[in-house]
Amino acid sequence: MQNNLFHNQVAIVTGAGIGIGFEVAKQLASQGAKVILNDVDINLAHASALQIRKVGGICEAFGGDISEISIIEEIVKFTVSTFGKLDILIANTGITTFGDFFDYQPESMQKLLQVNLFGTFFLTQAAAKQMVLQAHGGSILLTSSVTGKIAHKYLAAYGMTKAGIDQLAKNLIIDLAPHQININTIVPGATLTERTLEDDEYIKTWSKITPSGRPSTIQDIAQASLFLVSPLSRQITGQNLVVDGGWTSVGVSPY
C-alpha cells in the first residue's frame, strides 16, 4: 500500500504493547495515521508508543484494562480530545486460556468472557457511537482466531469467544452500514509472536502442517489488517478474513 494511505485518519489500537497489536499500530502510523496505542500494562503502552514516535510516527499511549467500561469510555474521550476525532478502531485485546474441557474452571471462563466478549462488544459500541456522531463513516476491525472456526485441543472456551467475535462483526452490519461504518474480523492462524516463540518447536511444528510451509509473521497479520481498515475496503463488511497460510483448509492438528 502507498505511503500516507491513512493520512489524517485517527485510530485506536488496543492490546498493542507487543505482538500483532504493536505491529498494526506501527504500520498504521508509518502510513500517516495518528494512533492511540492501548495496553493493559501502562508502562509498556508508553514504551511502545515512544518506539513509534522515534521513527516519525504520531502515537500516544493509553494504558488500561479495556474490558472495563470506565476505561472504554475514557479511551474514546481521550482519542477525541487528543486528535479531534476517531476514524478507525482495531479491537485487538484478548486473552487465551487453555484447559481440558472436563477440568475447565468457572473463574477462567468469567475472565475470558469479560475480556474477549464483553470488552470487545462495548468498545465497539463506544467507538461506533463516536463515529455516528461525527457523521463521516469509519472502520472497525476485531481480532478473532482460527480456533473459532476449527476445533483445537484445550481451546474450547477460547475458540467459543472468537466464534462469537466473528458473529458480532457479521451481525453489526445491520446497525453500522447505514452510517458508512464497515466492520470485519481478522482471523490469525499460527503466528510468530513473543509468546509463541517461547516454544522451541513452534516454527518446526507449524511449518510442517501449514500448506504455505510456514507460520504467519506479525507483519502478515498487520498488512491484512491495514487493508481491512483502509479506503480500499469500504465495500467489504461483515467478513472474517483468515490469515493462516491455508491451515484451516486442511486442519492438521499440531498435537
C-alpha atoms as a PDB file:
ATOM      1  CA  MET A   1       0.000   0.000   0.000  1.00  0.00           C
ATOM      2  CA  GLN A   2       1.164   3.514  -0.755  1.00  0.00           C
ATOM      3  CA  ASN A   3       2.583   5.811   1.893  1.00  0.00           C
ATOM      4  CA  ASN A   4       0.141   8.096   3.684  1.00  0.00           C
ATOM      5  CA  LEU A   5      -2.828   5.891   2.831  1.00  0.00           C
ATOM      6  CA  PHE A   6      -4.134   6.801   6.282  1.00  0.00           C
ATOM      7  CA  HIS A   7      -3.282  10.500   6.159  1.00  0.00           C
ATOM      8  CA  ASN A   8      -5.408  12.471   8.638  1.00  0.00           C
ATOM      9  CA  GLN A   9      -7.005   9.262   9.963  1.00  0.00           C
ATOM     10  CA  VAL A  10      -7.211   8.683  13.714  1.00  0.00           C
ATOM     11  CA  ALA A  11      -7.035   5.126  15.039  1.00  0.00           C
ATOM     12  CA  ILE A  12      -7.302   3.289  18.332  1.00  0.00           C
ATOM     13  CA  VAL A  13      -5.391   0.009  18.542  1.00  0.00           C
ATOM     14  CA  THR A  14      -5.910  -1.997  21.727  1.00  0.00           C
ATOM     15  CA  GLY A  15      -3.709  -4.753  23.102  1.00  0.00           C
ATOM     16  CA  ALA A  16      -0.869  -3.109  21.219  1.00  0.00           C
ATOM     17  CA  GLY A  17       2.072  -3.167  23.599  1.00  0.00           C
ATOM     18  CA  ILE A  18       3.678  -6.114  21.799  1.00  0.00           C
ATOM     19  CA  GLY A  19       2.996  -8.647  19.072  1.00  0.00           C
ATOM     20  CA  ILE A  20       0.348  -8.239  16.403  1.00  0.00           C
ATOM     21  CA  GLY A  21      -1.213  -5.179  18.009  1.00  0.00           C
ATOM     22  CA  PHE A  22       2.074  -3.294  18.161  1.00  0.00           C
ATOM     23  CA  GLU A  23       2.894  -4.151  14.545  1.00  0.00           C
ATOM     24  CA  VAL A  24      -0.547  -2.930  13.430  1.00  0.00           C
ATOM     25  CA  ALA A  25      -0.121   0.341  15.347  1.00  0.00           C
ATOM     26  CA  LYS A  26       3.384   0.809  13.918  1.00  0.00           C
ATOM     27  CA  GLN A  27       2.286   0.200  10.349  1.00  0.00           C
ATOM     28  CA  LEU A  28      -0.735   2.495  10.697  1.00  0.00           C
ATOM     29  CA  ALA A  29       1.492   5.281  11.981  1.00  0.00           C
ATOM     30  CA  SER A  30       4.001   4.704   9.183  1.00  0.00           C
ATOM     31  CA  GLN A  31       1.157   5.143   6.689  1.00  0.00           C
ATOM     32  CA  GLY A  32       0.137   8.508   8.132  1.00  0.00           C
ATOM     33  CA  ALA A  33      -2.417   7.657  10.828  1.00  0.00           C
ATOM     34  CA  LYS A  34      -2.492   9.274  14.246  1.00  0.00           C
ATOM     35  CA  VAL A  35      -2.612   6.355  16.660  1.00  0.00           C
ATOM     36  CA  ILE A  36      -3.755   5.835  20.220  1.00  0.00           C
ATOM     37  CA  LEU A  37      -1.885   2.743  21.439  1.00  0.00           C
ATOM     38  CA  ASN A  38      -3.517   0.878  24.302  1.00  0.00           C
ATOM     39  CA  ASP A  39      -2.184  -1.858  26.537  1.00  0.00           C
ATOM     40  CA  VAL A  40      -3.237  -3.080  29.964  1.00  0.00           C
ATOM     41  CA  ASP A  41       0.393  -2.519  31.041  1.00  0.00           C
ATOM     42  CA  ILE A  42       0.663   1.266  31.241  1.00  0.00           C
ATOM     43  CA  ASN A  43       4.468   1.308  31.167  1.00  0.00           C
ATOM     44  CA  LEU A  44       4.546  -0.979  28.144  1.00  0.00           C
ATOM     45  CA  ALA A  45       1.987   1.199  26.346  1.00  0.00           C
ATOM     46  CA  HIS A  46       4.167   4.284  26.846  1.00  0.00           C
ATOM     47  CA  ALA A  47       7.351   2.465  25.828  1.00  0.00           C
ATOM     48  CA  SER A  48       5.752   1.103  22.659  1.00  0.00           C
ATOM     49  CA  ALA A  49       4.247   4.458  21.699  1.00  0.00           C
ATOM     50  CA  LEU A  50       7.685   6.017  22.165  1.00  0.00           C
ATOM     51  CA  GLN A  51       9.201   3.468  19.776  1.00  0.00           C
ATOM     52  CA  ILE A  52       6.728   4.541  17.108  1.00  0.00           C
ATOM     53  CA  ARG A  53       7.379   8.232  17.683  1.00  0.00           C
ATOM     54  CA  LYS A  54      11.136   7.648  17.422  1.00  0.00           C
ATOM     55  CA  VAL A  55      10.703   6.557  13.791  1.00  0.00           C
ATOM     56  CA  GLY A  56       8.495   9.505  12.933  1.00  0.00           C
ATOM     57  CA  GLY A  57       5.006   8.201  13.713  1.00  0.00           C
ATOM     58  CA  ILE A  58       2.310  10.092  15.577  1.00  0.00           C
ATOM     59  CA  CYS A  59       1.316   7.912  18.514  1.00  0.00           C
ATOM     60  CA  GLU A  60       0.053   8.473  22.051  1.00  0.00           C
ATOM     61  CA  ALA A  61      -0.218   5.853  24.765  1.00  0.00           C
ATOM     62  CA  PHE A  62      -3.311   4.978  26.771  1.00  0.00           C
ATOM     63  CA  GLY A  63      -2.840   2.389  29.479  1.00  0.00           C
ATOM     64  CA  GLY A  64      -5.715   0.464  30.982  1.00  0.00           C
ATOM     65  CA  ASP A  65      -7.829  -2.670  31.024  1.00  0.00           C
ATOM     66  CA  ILE A  66     -10.094  -2.371  28.005  1.00  0.00           C
ATOM     67  CA  SER A  67     -12.541  -4.886  29.455  1.00  0.00           C
ATOM     68  CA  GLU A  68     -13.679  -2.253  31.974  1.00  0.00           C
ATOM     69  CA  ILE A  69     -16.487   0.111  30.947  1.00  0.00           C
ATOM     70  CA  SER A  70     -14.826   3.132  32.554  1.00  0.00           C
ATOM     71  CA  ILE A  71     -11.620   2.546  30.574  1.00  0.00           C
ATOM     72  CA  ILE A  72     -13.588   2.007  27.358  1.00  0.00           C
ATOM     73  CA  GLU A  73     -15.325   5.348  27.813  1.00  0.00           C
ATOM     74  CA  GLU A  74     -12.082   7.092  28.719  1.00  0.00           C
ATOM     75  CA  ILE A  75     -10.095   5.858  25.723  1.00  0.00           C
ATOM     76  CA  VAL A  76     -12.669   7.168  23.252  1.00  0.00           C
ATOM     77  CA  LYS A  77     -12.803  10.532  25.057  1.00  0.00           C
ATOM     78  CA  PHE A  78      -9.015  10.670  25.195  1.00  0.00           C
ATOM     79  CA  THR A  79      -8.740   9.948  21.482  1.00  0.00           C
ATOM     80  CA  VAL A  80     -11.175  12.702  20.531  1.00  0.00           C
ATOM     81  CA  SER A  81      -9.648  15.227  22.925  1.00  0.00           C
ATOM     82  CA  THR A  82      -6.147  14.411  21.646  1.00  0.00           C
ATOM     83  CA  PHE A  83      -6.716  14.171  17.898  1.00  0.00           C
ATOM     84  CA  GLY A  84     -10.211  15.614  17.396  1.00  0.00           C
ATOM     85  CA  LYS A  85     -11.998  12.544  16.052  1.00  0.00           C
ATOM     86  CA  LEU A  86     -11.995   8.757  15.678  1.00  0.00           C
ATOM     87  CA  ASP A  87     -11.926   7.051  12.271  1.00  0.00           C
ATOM     88  CA  ILE A  88     -10.614   3.539  12.938  1.00  0.00           C
ATOM     89  CA  LEU A  89     -10.935   1.062  15.772  1.00  0.00           C
ATOM     90  CA  ILE A  90      -8.814  -2.071  15.895  1.00  0.00           C
ATOM     91  CA  ALA A  91     -10.063  -4.056  18.886  1.00  0.00           C
ATOM     92  CA  ASN A  92      -7.153  -6.424  19.321  1.00  0.00           C
ATOM     93  CA  THR A  93      -7.261  -7.020  23.076  1.00  0.00           C
ATOM     94  CA  GLY A  94      -7.840 -10.628  24.031  1.00  0.00           C
ATOM     95  CA  ILE A  95      -6.651 -13.314  26.394  1.00  0.00           C
ATOM     96  CA  THR A  96      -6.153 -17.030  25.879  1.00  0.00           C
ATOM     97  CA  THR A  97      -6.999 -19.638  28.485  1.00  0.00           C
ATOM     98  CA  PHE A  98      -6.004 -23.245  27.874  1.00  0.00           C
ATOM     99  CA  GLY A  99      -7.663 -26.165  29.607  1.00  0.00           C
ATOM    100  CA  ASP A 100      -9.122 -29.611  29.293  1.00  0.00           C
ATOM    101  CA  PHE A 101     -12.905 -29.337  28.877  1.00  0.00           C
ATOM    102  CA  PHE A 102     -13.606 -31.643  31.831  1.00  0.00           C
ATOM    103  CA  ASP A 103     -11.387 -29.644  34.178  1.00  0.00           C
ATOM    104  CA  TYR A 104     -12.052 -26.095  32.961  1.00  0.00           C
ATOM    105  CA  GLN A 105     -12.926 -23.769  35.830  1.00  0.00           C
ATOM    106  CA  PRO A 106     -15.651 -21.071  36.109  1.00  0.00           C
ATOM    107  CA  GLU A 107     -13.194 -18.355  37.137  1.00  0.00           C
ATOM    108  CA  SER A 108     -11.214 -18.910  33.929  1.00  0.00           C
ATOM    109  CA  MET A 109     -14.384 -18.647  31.873  1.00  0.00           C
ATOM    110  CA  GLN A 110     -15.504 -15.488  33.643  1.00  0.00           C
ATOM    111  CA  LYS A 111     -12.272 -13.623  32.874  1.00  0.00           C
ATOM    112  CA  LEU A 112     -12.207 -14.924  29.305  1.00  0.00           C
ATOM    113  CA  LEU A 113     -15.749 -13.703  28.622  1.00  0.00           C
ATOM    114  CA  GLN A 114     -15.084 -10.363  30.310  1.00  0.00           C
ATOM    115  CA  VAL A 115     -12.090  -9.550  28.131  1.00  0.00           C
ATOM    116  CA  ASN A 116     -12.823 -11.248  24.821  1.00  0.00           C
ATOM    117  CA  LEU A 117     -16.573 -10.698  24.527  1.00  0.00           C
ATOM    118  CA  PHE A 118     -17.713  -8.036  26.996  1.00  0.00           C
ATOM    119  CA  GLY A 119     -14.749  -5.767  26.321  1.00  0.00           C
ATOM    120  CA  THR A 120     -14.864  -6.197  22.549  1.00  0.00           C
ATOM    121  CA  PHE A 121     -18.622  -5.620  22.388  1.00  0.00           C
ATOM    122  CA  PHE A 122     -18.705  -2.456  24.439  1.00  0.00           C
ATOM    123  CA  LEU A 123     -15.532  -0.955  22.974  1.00  0.00           C
ATOM    124  CA  THR A 124     -17.062  -1.454  19.543  1.00  0.00           C
ATOM    125  CA  GLN A 125     -20.259   0.178  20.757  1.00  0.00           C
ATOM    126  CA  ALA A 126     -18.432   3.207  22.186  1.00  0.00           C
ATOM    127  CA  ALA A 127     -16.303   3.704  19.068  1.00  0.00           C
ATOM    128  CA  ALA A 128     -19.292   3.307  16.752  1.00  0.00           C
ATOM    129  CA  LYS A 129     -21.295   5.881  18.703  1.00  0.00           C
ATOM    130  CA  GLN A 130     -18.471   8.381  18.222  1.00  0.00           C
ATOM    131  CA  MET A 131     -18.250   7.608  14.507  1.00  0.00           C
ATOM    132  CA  VAL A 132     -22.012   8.042  14.112  1.00  0.00           C
ATOM    133  CA  LEU A 133     -21.793  11.376  15.940  1.00  0.00           C
ATOM    134  CA  GLN A 134     -19.100  12.534  13.512  1.00  0.00           C
ATOM    135  CA  ALA A 135     -21.276  11.504  10.534  1.00  0.00           C
ATOM    136  CA  HIS A 136     -18.446  10.694   8.130  1.00  0.00           C
ATOM    137  CA  GLY A 137     -18.201   6.930   8.483  1.00  0.00           C
ATOM    138  CA  GLY A 138     -15.413   4.802   9.821  1.00  0.00           C
ATOM    139  CA  SER A 139     -13.889   1.363  10.001  1.00  0.00           C
ATOM    140  CA  ILE A 140     -13.819  -1.252  12.773  1.00  0.00           C
ATOM    141  CA  LEU A 141     -11.701  -4.391  12.894  1.00  0.00           C
ATOM    142  CA  LEU A 142     -11.979  -7.067  15.575  1.00  0.00           C
ATOM    143  CA  THR A 143      -9.307  -9.694  16.219  1.00  0.00           C
ATOM    144  CA  SER A 144     -10.564 -13.260  16.046  1.00  0.00           C
ATOM    145  CA  SER A 145      -8.758 -16.604  15.689  1.00  0.00           C
ATOM    146  CA  VAL A 146      -8.842 -19.738  13.565  1.00  0.00           C
ATOM    147  CA  THR A 147      -9.785 -21.580  16.766  1.00  0.00           C
ATOM    148  CA  GLY A 148     -13.226 -20.036  16.316  1.00  0.00           C
ATOM    149  CA  LYS A 149     -13.550 -21.925  13.021  1.00  0.00           C
ATOM    150  CA  ILE A 150     -11.834 -25.268  13.589  1.00  0.00           C
ATOM    151  CA  ALA A 151     -11.522 -27.474  16.672  1.00  0.00           C
ATOM    152  CA  HIS A 152      -8.288 -27.126  18.604  1.00  0.00           C
ATOM    153  CA  LYS A 153      -7.265 -29.131  21.655  1.00  0.00           C
ATOM    154  CA  TYR A 154      -7.546 -27.339  25.023  1.00  0.00           C
ATOM    155  CA  LEU A 155      -9.071 -24.223  23.428  1.00  0.00           C
ATOM    156  CA  ALA A 156     -12.816 -24.932  23.506  1.00  0.00           C
ATOM    157  CA  ALA A 157     -13.615 -21.903  25.659  1.00  0.00           C
ATOM    158  CA  TYR A 158     -11.247 -19.566  23.828  1.00  0.00           C
ATOM    159  CA  GLY A 159     -12.476 -20.722  20.424  1.00  0.00           C
ATOM    160  CA  MET A 160     -16.066 -20.152  21.537  1.00  0.00           C
ATOM    161  CA  THR A 161     -15.313 -16.490  22.315  1.00  0.00           C
ATOM    162  CA  LYS A 162     -13.580 -15.980  18.979  1.00  0.00           C
ATOM    163  CA  ALA A 163     -16.513 -17.515  17.088  1.00  0.00           C
ATOM    164  CA  GLY A 164     -18.669 -15.026  18.965  1.00  0.00           C
ATOM    165  CA  ILE A 165     -16.488 -12.147  17.783  1.00  0.00           C
ATOM    166  CA  ASP A 166     -16.803 -13.339  14.177  1.00  0.00           C
ATOM    167  CA  GLN A 167     -20.577 -13.399  14.545  1.00  0.00           C
ATOM    168  CA  LEU A 168     -20.603  -9.959  16.151  1.00  0.00           C
ATOM    169  CA  ALA A 169     -18.967  -8.477  13.055  1.00  0.00           C
ATOM    170  CA  LYS A 170     -21.464 -10.230  10.801  1.00  0.00           C
ATOM    171  CA  ASN A 171     -24.417  -9.043  12.826  1.00  0.00           C
ATOM    172  CA  LEU A 172     -23.348  -5.418  13.264  1.00  0.00           C
ATOM    173  CA  ILE A 173     -23.504  -4.648   9.573  1.00  0.00           C
ATOM    174  CA  ILE A 174     -27.229  -4.126  10.162  1.00  0.00           C
ATOM    175  CA  ASP A 175     -26.512  -1.341  12.635  1.00  0.00           C
ATOM    176  CA  LEU A 176     -23.360   0.159  11.159  1.00  0.00           C
ATOM    177  CA  ALA A 177     -23.681   0.025   7.362  1.00  0.00           C
ATOM    178  CA  PRO A 178     -26.327   2.795   7.253  1.00  0.00           C
ATOM    179  CA  HIS A 179     -23.725   5.042   8.894  1.00  0.00           C
ATOM    180  CA  GLN A 180     -20.986   4.129   6.379  1.00  0.00           C
ATOM    181  CA  ILE A 181     -19.059   2.180   9.017  1.00  0.00           C
ATOM    182  CA  ASN A 182     -17.625  -1.134   7.904  1.00  0.00           C
ATOM    183  CA  ILE A 183     -16.751  -3.883  10.367  1.00  0.00           C
ATOM    184  CA  ASN A 184     -14.776  -7.076   9.857  1.00  0.00           C
ATOM    185  CA  THR A 185     -12.599  -9.530  11.741  1.00  0.00           C
ATOM    186  CA  ILE A 186      -9.023 -10.529  11.127  1.00  0.00           C
ATOM    187  CA  VAL A 187      -8.593 -14.233  11.861  1.00  0.00           C
ATOM    188  CA  PRO A 188      -4.959 -15.162  12.528  1.00  0.00           C
ATOM    189  CA  GLY A 189      -3.726 -18.717  12.495  1.00  0.00           C
ATOM    190  CA  ALA A 190      -0.371 -19.796  13.913  1.00  0.00           C
ATOM    191  CA  THR A 191       1.682 -16.611  14.186  1.00  0.00           C
ATOM    192  CA  LEU A 192       5.212 -15.881  15.337  1.00  0.00           C
ATOM    193  CA  THR A 193       4.920 -13.636  18.390  1.00  0.00           C
ATOM    194  CA  GLU A 194       6.886 -13.178  21.582  1.00  0.00           C
ATOM    195  CA  ARG A 195       4.633 -15.738  23.279  1.00  0.00           C
ATOM    196  CA  THR A 196       4.606 -18.444  20.616  1.00  0.00           C
ATOM    197  CA  LEU A 197       8.364 -18.203  20.080  1.00  0.00           C
ATOM    198  CA  GLU A 198       8.834 -19.312  23.688  1.00  0.00           C
ATOM    199  CA  ASP A 199       8.064 -22.778  22.264  1.00  0.00           C
ATOM    200  CA  ASP A 200      11.285 -24.063  20.662  1.00  0.00           C
ATOM    201  CA  GLU A 201       9.287 -26.420  18.429  1.00  0.00           C
ATOM    202  CA  TYR A 202       6.707 -23.886  17.261  1.00  0.00           C
ATOM    203  CA  ILE A 203       8.241 -22.954  13.908  1.00  0.00           C
ATOM    204  CA  LYS A 204       9.122 -26.565  13.049  1.00  0.00           C
ATOM    205  CA  THR A 205       5.677 -27.891  14.014  1.00  0.00           C
ATOM    206  CA  TRP A 206       3.616 -25.283  12.190  1.00  0.00           C
ATOM    207  CA  SER A 207       5.867 -25.185   9.129  1.00  0.00           C
ATOM    208  CA  LYS A 208       5.258 -28.908   8.691  1.00  0.00           C
ATOM    209  CA  ILE A 209       1.431 -28.741   8.872  1.00  0.00           C
ATOM    210  CA  THR A 210       0.779 -25.388   7.148  1.00  0.00           C
ATOM    211  CA  PRO A 211       0.278 -25.581   3.355  1.00  0.00           C
ATOM    212  CA  SER A 212       2.311 -22.404   2.782  1.00  0.00           C
ATOM    213  CA  GLY A 213       5.213 -24.035   4.599  1.00  0.00           C
ATOM    214  CA  ARG A 214       5.498 -21.571   7.467  1.00  0.00           C
ATOM    215  CA  PRO A 215       3.542 -19.929  10.260  1.00  0.00           C
ATOM    216  CA  SER A 216       2.479 -16.326   9.745  1.00  0.00           C
ATOM    217  CA  THR A 217       4.506 -13.353  10.904  1.00  0.00           C
ATOM    218  CA  ILE A 218       3.052 -10.354  12.709  1.00  0.00           C
ATOM    219  CA  GLN A 219       3.724  -8.424   9.501  1.00  0.00           C
ATOM    220  CA  ASP A 220       1.435 -10.800   7.576  1.00  0.00           C
ATOM    221  CA  ILE A 221      -1.396 -10.153  10.014  1.00  0.00           C
ATOM    222  CA  ALA A 222      -0.792  -6.408  10.184  1.00  0.00           C
ATOM    223  CA  GLN A 223      -0.772  -5.949   6.411  1.00  0.00           C
ATOM    224  CA  ALA A 224      -4.098  -7.755   6.059  1.00  0.00           C
ATOM    225  CA  SER A 225      -5.483  -5.718   8.956  1.00  0.00           C
ATOM    226  CA  LEU A 226      -4.488  -2.435   7.352  1.00  0.00           C
ATOM    227  CA  PHE A 227      -6.221  -3.420   4.137  1.00  0.00           C
ATOM    228  CA  LEU A 228      -9.477  -4.051   6.005  1.00  0.00           C
ATOM    229  CA  VAL A 229      -9.484  -0.612   7.638  1.00  0.00           C
ATOM    230  CA  SER A 230      -8.220   1.284   4.585  1.00  0.00           C
ATOM    231  CA  PRO A 231     -10.179   3.230   1.963  1.00  0.00           C
ATOM    232  CA  LEU A 232      -9.515   0.263  -0.352  1.00  0.00           C
ATOM    233  CA  SER A 233     -12.013  -1.944   1.503  1.00  0.00           C
ATOM    234  CA  ARG A 234     -15.015   0.230   2.315  1.00  0.00           C
ATOM    235  CA  GLN A 235     -17.372  -2.137   0.495  1.00  0.00           C
ATOM    236  CA  ILE A 236     -16.089  -5.109   2.493  1.00  0.00           C
ATOM    237  CA  THR A 237     -18.079  -5.563   5.689  1.00  0.00           C
ATOM    238  CA  GLY A 238     -19.268  -8.382   7.912  1.00  0.00           C
ATOM    239  CA  GLN A 239     -16.401 -10.594   6.749  1.00  0.00           C
ATOM    240  CA  ASN A 240     -13.933 -12.813   8.604  1.00  0.00           C
ATOM    241  CA  LEU A 241     -10.548 -12.765   6.846  1.00  0.00           C
ATOM    242  CA  VAL A 242      -8.454 -15.821   7.700  1.00  0.00           C
ATOM    243  CA  VAL A 243      -4.669 -15.351   7.528  1.00  0.00           C
ATOM    244  CA  ASP A 244      -3.143 -18.759   8.197  1.00  0.00           C
ATOM    245  CA  GLY A 245      -1.235 -19.990   5.152  1.00  0.00           C
ATOM    246  CA  GLY A 246      -4.105 -22.334   4.318  1.00  0.00           C
ATOM    247  CA  TRP A 247      -4.076 -24.281   7.600  1.00  0.00           C
ATOM    248  CA  THR A 248      -7.838 -24.175   8.192  1.00  0.00           C
ATOM    249  CA  SER A 249      -8.394 -25.790   4.813  1.00  0.00           C
ATOM    250  CA  VAL A 250      -6.536 -28.918   5.882  1.00  0.00           C
ATOM    251  CA  GLY A 251      -6.959 -28.755   9.657  1.00  0.00           C
ATOM    252  CA  VAL A 252      -3.973 -30.903  10.575  1.00  0.00           C
ATOM    253  CA  SER A 253      -3.572 -30.970  14.358  1.00  0.00           C
ATOM    254  CA  PRO A 254      -0.251 -29.898  15.850  1.00  0.00           C
ATOM    255  CA  TYR A 255      -0.707 -32.480  18.591  1.00  0.00           C
END
